[in-house]
Amino acid sequence: MSLGNAFVICFYIHLMIKRTIR
């Protein structure tokens, strides 16, 4: 797995969590 790919996944999950809370 590429480091950049992992970063994108982390960012995507963060957005999903933020959306769920909101």
C-alpha atoms as a PDB file:
ATOM      1  CA  MET A   1       0.000   0.000   0.000  1.00  0.00           C
ATOM      2  CA  SER A   2       1.371   3.435  -0.911  1.00  0.00           C
ATOM      3  CA  LEU A   3       1.854   6.029   1.805  1.00  0.00           C
ATOM      4  CA  GLY A   4      -0.160   8.568  -0.207  1.00  0.00           C
ATOM      5  CA  ASN A   5      -2.941   6.018  -0.655  1.00  0.00           C
ATOM      6  CA  ALA A   6      -3.123   5.438   3.108  1.00  0.00           C
ATOM      7  CA  PHE A   7      -3.273   9.211   3.648  1.00  0.00           C
ATOM      8  CA  VAL A   8      -6.201   9.534   1.217  1.00  0.00           C
ATOM      9  CA  ILE A   9      -8.057   6.702   2.963  1.00  0.00           C
ATOM     10  CA  CYS A  10      -7.473   8.303   6.372  1.00  0.00           C
ATOM     11  CA  PHE A  11      -8.719  11.650   5.072  1.00  0.00           C
ATOM     12  CA  TYR A  12     -11.804   9.989   3.548  1.00  0.00           C
ATOM     13  CA  ILE A  13     -12.622   8.232   6.816  1.00  0.00           C
ATOM     14  CA  HIS A  14     -12.177  11.517   8.710  1.00  0.00           C
ATOM     15  CA  LEU A  15     -14.668  13.222   6.390  1.00  0.00           C
ATOM     16  CA  MET A  16     -17.148  10.367   6.849  1.00  0.00           C
ATOM     17  CA  ILE A  17     -16.881  10.587  10.643  1.00  0.00           C
ATOM     18  CA  LYS A  18     -17.310  14.364  10.566  1.00  0.00           C
ATOM     19  CA  ARG A  19     -20.385  13.954   8.352  1.00  0.00           C
ATOM     20  CA  THR A  20     -21.850  11.322  10.684  1.00  0.00           C
ATOM     21  CA  ILE A  21     -21.408  13.560  13.751  1.00  0.00           C
ATOM     22  CA  ARG A  22     -22.922  16.488  11.903  1.00  0.00           C
END
